[in-house]
Amino acid sequence: QKLEEITLPFVGTSAVSDPSYNDQSSTEKATD
């Protein structure tokens, strides 16, 4: 209820990241 600021090492559940459909760095679904 009171959270104002959060610091995270990545966005989402893990550090797996695909910035573009044409630059996929993983075998997982890029838009999960």
All heavy atoms as atom14 arrays in JSON, in Angstrom:
{
  "sequence": "QKLEEITLPFVGTSAVSDPSYNDQSSTEKATD",
  "atom14_mask": [
    [1, 1, 1, 1, 1, 1, 1, 1, 1, 0, 0, 0, 0, 0],
    [1, 1, 1, 1, 1, 1, 1, 1, 1, 0, 0, 0, 0, 0],
    [1, 1, 1, 1, 1, 1, 1, 1, 0, 0, 0, 0, 0, 0],
    [1, 1, 1, 1, 1, 1, 1, 1, 1, 0, 0, 0, 0, 0],
    [1, 1, 1, 1, 1, 1, 1, 1, 1, 0, 0, 0, 0, 0],
    [1, 1, 1, 1, 1, 1, 1, 1, 0, 0, 0, 0, 0, 0],
    [1, 1, 1, 1, 1, 1, 1, 0, 0, 0, 0, 0, 0, 0],
    [1, 1, 1, 1, 1, 1, 1, 1, 0, 0, 0, 0, 0, 0],
    [1, 1, 1, 1, 1, 1, 1, 0, 0, 0, 0, 0, 0, 0],
    [1, 1, 1, 1, 1, 1, 1, 1, 1, 1, 1, 0, 0, 0],
    [1, 1, 1, 1, 1, 1, 1, 0, 0, 0, 0, 0, 0, 0],
    [1, 1, 1, 1, 0, 0, 0, 0, 0, 0, 0, 0, 0, 0],
    [1, 1, 1, 1, 1, 1, 1, 0, 0, 0, 0, 0, 0, 0],
    [1, 1, 1, 1, 1, 1, 0, 0, 0, 0, 0, 0, 0, 0],
    [1, 1, 1, 1, 1, 0, 0, 0, 0, 0, 0, 0, 0, 0],
    [1, 1, 1, 1, 1, 1, 1, 0, 0, 0, 0, 0, 0, 0],
    [1, 1, 1, 1, 1, 1, 0, 0, 0, 0, 0, 0, 0, 0],
    [1, 1, 1, 1, 1, 1, 1, 1, 0, 0, 0, 0, 0, 0],
    [1, 1, 1, 1, 1, 1, 1, 0, 0, 0, 0, 0, 0, 0],
    [1, 1, 1, 1, 1, 1, 0, 0, 0, 0, 0, 0, 0, 0],
    [1, 1, 1, 1, 1, 1, 1, 1, 1, 1, 1, 1, 0, 0],
    [1, 1, 1, 1, 1, 1, 1, 1, 0, 0, 0, 0, 0, 0],
    [1, 1, 1, 1, 1, 1, 1, 1, 0, 0, 0, 0, 0, 0],
    [1, 1, 1, 1, 1, 1, 1, 1, 1, 0, 0, 0, 0, 0],
    [1, 1, 1, 1, 1, 1, 0, 0, 0, 0, 0, 0, 0, 0],
    [1, 1, 1, 1, 1, 1, 0, 0, 0, 0, 0, 0, 0, 0],
    [1, 1, 1, 1, 1, 1, 1, 0, 0, 0, 0, 0, 0, 0],
    [1, 1, 1, 1, 1, 1, 1, 1, 1, 0, 0, 0, 0, 0],
    [1, 1, 1, 1, 1, 1, 1, 1, 1, 0, 0, 0, 0, 0],
    [1, 1, 1, 1, 1, 0, 0, 0, 0, 0, 0, 0, 0, 0],
    [1, 1, 1, 1, 1, 1, 1, 0, 0, 0, 0, 0, 0, 0],
    [1, 1, 1, 1, 1, 1, 1, 1, 0, 0, 0, 0, 0, 0]
  ],
  "atom14_positions": [
    [[0.79, -1.23, 0.0], [0.0, 0.0, 0.0], [0.82, 1.28, 0.0], [0.43, 2.29, -0.6], [-0.94, 0.01, 1.21], [-1.99, -1.08, 1.18], [-2.93, -0.99, 2.36], [-3.01, 0.03, 3.04], [-3.65, -2.07, 2.62], [0.0, 0.0, 0.0], [0.0, 0.0, 0.0], [0.0, 0.0, 0.0], [0.0, 0.0, 0.0], [0.0, 0.0, 0.0]],
    [[1.99, 1.27, 0.65], [2.74, 2.52, 0.83], [4.0, 2.62, -0.02], [4.76, 3.58, 0.11], [3.09, 2.71, 2.31], [1.86, 2.91, 3.19], [2.24, 3.29, 4.6], [1.0, 3.57, 5.45], [1.36, 3.95, 6.84], [0.0, 0.0, 0.0], [0.0, 0.0, 0.0], [0.0, 0.0, 0.0], [0.0, 0.0, 0.0], [0.0, 0.0, 0.0]],
    [[4.23, 1.67, -0.88], [5.47, 1.65, -1.65], [5.57, 2.88, -2.57], [4.68, 3.15, -3.36], [5.54, 0.38, -2.49], [6.88, 0.11, -3.19], [7.98, -0.15, -2.16], [6.76, -1.09, -4.13], [0.0, 0.0, 0.0], [0.0, 0.0, 0.0], [0.0, 0.0, 0.0], [0.0, 0.0, 0.0], [0.0, 0.0, 0.0], [0.0, 0.0, 0.0]],
    [[6.68, 3.61, -2.44], [6.92, 4.81, -3.24], [8.08, 4.63, -4.23], [8.09, 5.27, -5.29], [7.24, 6.0, -2.32], [6.11, 6.36, -1.37], [6.51, 7.45, -0.39], [7.67, 7.92, -0.47], [5.66, 7.84, 0.43], [0.0, 0.0, 0.0], [0.0, 0.0, 0.0], [0.0, 0.0, 0.0], [0.0, 0.0, 0.0], [0.0, 0.0, 0.0]],
    [[9.03, 3.77, -3.87], [10.23, 3.61, -4.7], [10.7, 2.17, -4.63], [10.67, 1.55, -3.56], [11.34, 4.56, -4.23], [12.62, 4.48, -5.02], [13.63, 5.53, -4.62], [13.31, 6.35, -3.72], [14.74, 5.55, -5.18], [0.0, 0.0, 0.0], [0.0, 0.0, 0.0], [0.0, 0.0, 0.0], [0.0, 0.0, 0.0], [0.0, 0.0, 0.0]],
    [[11.13, 1.64, -5.77], [11.64, 0.28, -5.79], [12.88, 0.23, -6.66], [12.96, 0.88, -7.71], [10.57, -0.72, -6.29], [11.04, -2.16, -6.05], [10.2, -0.47, -7.74], [9.93, -3.19, -6.21], [0.0, 0.0, 0.0], [0.0, 0.0, 0.0], [0.0, 0.0, 0.0], [0.0, 0.0, 0.0], [0.0, 0.0, 0.0], [0.0, 0.0, 0.0]],
    [[13.87, -0.54, -6.21], [15.12, -0.74, -6.94], [15.19, -2.21, -7.34], [15.08, -3.09, -6.49], [16.34, -0.37, -6.08], [16.26, 1.02, -5.74], [17.63, -0.61, -6.85], [0.0, 0.0, 0.0], [0.0, 0.0, 0.0], [0.0, 0.0, 0.0], [0.0, 0.0, 0.0], [0.0, 0.0, 0.0], [0.0, 0.0, 0.0], [0.0, 0.0, 0.0]],
    [[15.37, -2.46, -8.64], [15.37, -3.82, -9.16], [16.61, -4.04, -10.03], [17.1, -3.09, -10.67], [14.12, -4.06, -10.01], [12.77, -3.93, -9.3], [11.65, -3.85, -10.32], [12.55, -5.1, -8.36], [0.0, 0.0, 0.0], [0.0, 0.0, 0.0], [0.0, 0.0, 0.0], [0.0, 0.0, 0.0], [0.0, 0.0, 0.0], [0.0, 0.0, 0.0]],
    [[17.1, -5.29, -10.11], [18.24, -5.56, -10.98], [17.84, -5.81, -12.43], [18.69, -5.91, -13.31], [18.86, -6.82, -10.36], [17.7, -7.51, -9.71], [16.76, -6.44, -9.26], [0.0, 0.0, 0.0], [0.0, 0.0, 0.0], [0.0, 0.0, 0.0], [0.0, 0.0, 0.0], [0.0, 0.0, 0.0], [0.0, 0.0, 0.0], [0.0, 0.0, 0.0]],
    [[16.54, -5.93, -12.67], [16.03, -6.17, -14.03], [14.53, -5.9, -14.02], [13.92, -5.69, -12.97], [16.31, -7.61, -14.47], [16.03, -8.65, -13.42], [14.73, -9.03, -13.11], [17.08, -9.24, -12.71], [14.47, -9.97, -12.13], [16.82, -10.19, -11.71], [15.52, -10.55, -11.43], [0.0, 0.0, 0.0], [0.0, 0.0, 0.0], [0.0, 0.0, 0.0]],
    [[13.93, -5.93, -15.21], [12.49, -5.77, -15.32], [11.85, -7.14, -15.5], [12.3, -7.94, -16.31], [12.13, -4.87, -16.52], [10.62, -4.76, -16.69], [12.74, -3.49, -16.36], [0.0, 0.0, 0.0], [0.0, 0.0, 0.0], [0.0, 0.0, 0.0], [0.0, 0.0, 0.0], [0.0, 0.0, 0.0], [0.0, 0.0, 0.0], [0.0, 0.0, 0.0]],
    [[10.8, -7.43, -14.71], [10.12, -8.7, -14.84], [10.67, -9.76, -13.9], [11.21, -9.46, -12.84], [0.0, 0.0, 0.0], [0.0, 0.0, 0.0], [0.0, 0.0, 0.0], [0.0, 0.0, 0.0], [0.0, 0.0, 0.0], [0.0, 0.0, 0.0], [0.0, 0.0, 0.0], [0.0, 0.0, 0.0], [0.0, 0.0, 0.0], [0.0, 0.0, 0.0]],
    [[10.57, -11.01, -14.32], [10.92, -12.13, -13.45], [12.4, -12.47, -13.44], [12.9, -13.07, -12.5], [10.11, -13.38, -13.83], [10.27, -14.37, -12.82], [10.54, -13.95, -15.17], [0.0, 0.0, 0.0], [0.0, 0.0, 0.0], [0.0, 0.0, 0.0], [0.0, 0.0, 0.0], [0.0, 0.0, 0.0], [0.0, 0.0, 0.0], [0.0, 0.0, 0.0]],
    [[13.13, -12.08, -14.52], [14.56, -12.4, -14.59], [15.27, -11.42, -15.51], [14.63, -10.54, -16.12], [14.77, -13.83, -15.13], [14.44, -13.9, -16.5], [0.0, 0.0, 0.0], [0.0, 0.0, 0.0], [0.0, 0.0, 0.0], [0.0, 0.0, 0.0], [0.0, 0.0, 0.0], [0.0, 0.0, 0.0], [0.0, 0.0, 0.0], [0.0, 0.0, 0.0]],
    [[16.57, -11.59, -15.66], [17.37, -10.66, -16.46], [17.35, -11.0, -17.95], [18.02, -10.33, -18.74], [18.81, -10.65, -15.95], [0.0, 0.0, 0.0], [0.0, 0.0, 0.0], [0.0, 0.0, 0.0], [0.0, 0.0, 0.0], [0.0, 0.0, 0.0], [0.0, 0.0, 0.0], [0.0, 0.0, 0.0], [0.0, 0.0, 0.0], [0.0, 0.0, 0.0]],
    [[16.6, -12.02, -18.36], [16.48, -12.34, -19.78], [15.78, -11.18, -20.47], [14.72, -10.75, -20.06], [15.69, -13.64, -19.99], [15.47, -13.91, -21.47], [16.41, -14.81, -19.35], [0.0, 0.0, 0.0], [0.0, 0.0, 0.0], [0.0, 0.0, 0.0], [0.0, 0.0, 0.0], [0.0, 0.0, 0.0], [0.0, 0.0, 0.0], [0.0, 0.0, 0.0]],
    [[16.39, -10.65, -21.54], [15.86, -9.45, -22.15], [16.05, -9.46, -23.66], [17.16, -9.65, -24.16], [16.56, -8.22, -21.56], [16.25, -7.06, -22.3], [0.0, 0.0, 0.0], [0.0, 0.0, 0.0], [0.0, 0.0, 0.0], [0.0, 0.0, 0.0], [0.0, 0.0, 0.0], [0.0, 0.0, 0.0], [0.0, 0.0, 0.0], [0.0, 0.0, 0.0]],
    [[14.97, -9.23, -24.39], [15.04, -9.04, -25.83], [14.55, -7.63, -26.12], [13.36, -7.34, -25.99], [14.14, -10.04, -26.56], [14.69, -11.46, -26.5], [15.91, -11.61, -26.39], [13.88, -12.4, -26.56], [0.0, 0.0, 0.0], [0.0, 0.0, 0.0], [0.0, 0.0, 0.0], [0.0, 0.0, 0.0], [0.0, 0.0, 0.0], [0.0, 0.0, 0.0]],
    [[15.44, -6.72, -26.55], [15.02, -5.35, -26.79], [14.25, -5.17, -28.1], [13.55, -4.18, -28.28], [16.33, -4.57, -26.83], [17.34, -5.57, -27.28], [16.89, -6.88, -26.69], [0.0, 0.0, 0.0], [0.0, 0.0, 0.0], [0.0, 0.0, 0.0], [0.0, 0.0, 0.0], [0.0, 0.0, 0.0], [0.0, 0.0, 0.0], [0.0, 0.0, 0.0]],
    [[14.39, -6.13, -29.03], [13.75, -6.0, -30.33], [13.41, -7.36, -30.89], [14.06, -8.36, -30.59], [14.69, -5.26, -31.31], [14.23, -5.35, -32.63], [0.0, 0.0, 0.0], [0.0, 0.0, 0.0], [0.0, 0.0, 0.0], [0.0, 0.0, 0.0], [0.0, 0.0, 0.0], [0.0, 0.0, 0.0], [0.0, 0.0, 0.0], [0.0, 0.0, 0.0]],
    [[12.41, -7.39, -31.74], [12.04, -8.64, -32.4], [13.17, -9.16, -33.28], [13.3, -10.35, -33.51], [10.79, -8.43, -33.27], [9.59, -7.99, -32.48], [9.15, -6.67, -32.52], [8.91, -8.88, -31.66], [8.06, -6.27, -31.79], [7.82, -8.47, -30.91], [7.4, -7.16, -30.99], [6.32, -6.75, -30.25], [0.0, 0.0, 0.0], [0.0, 0.0, 0.0]],
    [[14.0, -8.25, -33.77], [15.09, -8.63, -34.67], [16.41, -8.8, -33.94], [17.45, -8.98, -34.56], [15.25, -7.56, -35.76], [14.0, -7.43, -36.6], [13.41, -8.43, -36.98], [13.59, -6.2, -36.85], [0.0, 0.0, 0.0], [0.0, 0.0, 0.0], [0.0, 0.0, 0.0], [0.0, 0.0, 0.0], [0.0, 0.0, 0.0], [0.0, 0.0, 0.0]],
    [[16.37, -8.71, -32.62], [17.6, -8.79, -31.84], [17.36, -9.67, -30.62], [17.63, -9.28, -29.5], [18.03, -7.38, -31.43], [19.41, -7.37, -30.79], [20.19, -8.3, -31.04], [19.7, -6.42, -30.03], [0.0, 0.0, 0.0], [0.0, 0.0, 0.0], [0.0, 0.0, 0.0], [0.0, 0.0, 0.0], [0.0, 0.0, 0.0], [0.0, 0.0, 0.0]],
    [[16.82, -10.85, -30.84], [16.46, -11.71, -29.73], [17.68, -12.4, -29.14], [18.44, -13.05, -29.85], [15.43, -12.75, -30.18], [14.11, -12.11, -30.59], [13.05, -13.13, -30.92], [13.16, -14.28, -30.54], [12.02, -12.71, -31.64], [0.0, 0.0, 0.0], [0.0, 0.0, 0.0], [0.0, 0.0, 0.0], [0.0, 0.0, 0.0], [0.0, 0.0, 0.0]],
    [[17.85, -12.26, -27.84], [19.02, -12.81, -27.17], [18.73, -14.14, -26.51], [19.61, -14.74, -25.91], [19.5, -11.82, -26.1], [18.49, -11.61, -25.13], [0.0, 0.0, 0.0], [0.0, 0.0, 0.0], [0.0, 0.0, 0.0], [0.0, 0.0, 0.0], [0.0, 0.0, 0.0], [0.0, 0.0, 0.0], [0.0, 0.0, 0.0], [0.0, 0.0, 0.0]],
    [[17.5, -14.62, -26.61], [17.16, -15.86, -25.94], [16.28, -16.73, -26.81], [15.8, -16.33, -27.86], [16.41, -15.56, -24.64], [15.09, -15.15, -24.93], [0.0, 0.0, 0.0], [0.0, 0.0, 0.0], [0.0, 0.0, 0.0], [0.0, 0.0, 0.0], [0.0, 0.0, 0.0], [0.0, 0.0, 0.0], [0.0, 0.0, 0.0], [0.0, 0.0, 0.0]],
    [[16.08, -17.95, -26.38], [15.21, -18.87, -27.1], [13.79, -18.8, -26.57], [12.89, -19.43, -27.11], [15.71, -20.32, -26.96], [15.78, -20.65, -25.57], [17.08, -20.48, -27.58], [0.0, 0.0, 0.0], [0.0, 0.0, 0.0], [0.0, 0.0, 0.0], [0.0, 0.0, 0.0], [0.0, 0.0, 0.0], [0.0, 0.0, 0.0], [0.0, 0.0, 0.0]],
    [[13.57, -18.0, -25.52], [12.24, -17.84, -24.96], [11.43, -16.86, -25.8], [11.98, -16.13, -26.61], [12.34, -17.32, -23.52], [13.07, -18.26, -22.58], [13.16, -17.68, -21.19], [12.21, -16.98, -20.77], [14.16, -17.92, -20.52], [0.0, 0.0, 0.0], [0.0, 0.0, 0.0], [0.0, 0.0, 0.0], [0.0, 0.0, 0.0], [0.0, 0.0, 0.0]],
    [[10.14, -16.86, -25.58], [9.28, -15.94, -26.31], [9.64, -14.5, -25.97], [9.63, -14.09, -24.81], [7.81, -16.19, -25.96], [6.83, -15.4, -26.81], [5.41, -15.77, -26.43], [4.42, -14.97, -27.27], [3.02, -15.27, -26.89], [0.0, 0.0, 0.0], [0.0, 0.0, 0.0], [0.0, 0.0, 0.0], [0.0, 0.0, 0.0], [0.0, 0.0, 0.0]],
    [[9.97, -13.74, -26.97], [10.52, -12.4, -26.75], [9.53, -11.45, -26.08], [9.94, -10.49, -25.45], [10.98, -11.81, -28.08], [0.0, 0.0, 0.0], [0.0, 0.0, 0.0], [0.0, 0.0, 0.0], [0.0, 0.0, 0.0], [0.0, 0.0, 0.0], [0.0, 0.0, 0.0], [0.0, 0.0, 0.0], [0.0, 0.0, 0.0], [0.0, 0.0, 0.0]],
    [[8.25, -11.71, -26.23], [7.26, -10.76, -25.73], [6.49, -11.28, -24.54], [5.38, -10.87, -24.26], [6.28, -10.4, -26.86], [5.77, -11.61, -27.41], [6.98, -9.62, -27.94], [0.0, 0.0, 0.0], [0.0, 0.0, 0.0], [0.0, 0.0, 0.0], [0.0, 0.0, 0.0], [0.0, 0.0, 0.0], [0.0, 0.0, 0.0], [0.0, 0.0, 0.0]],
    [[7.06, -12.2, -23.84], [6.43, -12.8, -22.66], [6.08, -11.74, -21.62], [6.9, -10.87, -21.3], [7.41, -13.81, -22.05], [6.73, -14.74, -21.06], [5.7, -14.35, -20.5], [7.26, -15.84, -20.86], [0.0, 0.0, 0.0], [0.0, 0.0, 0.0], [0.0, 0.0, 0.0], [0.0, 0.0, 0.0], [0.0, 0.0, 0.0], [0.0, 0.0, 0.0]]
  ]
}
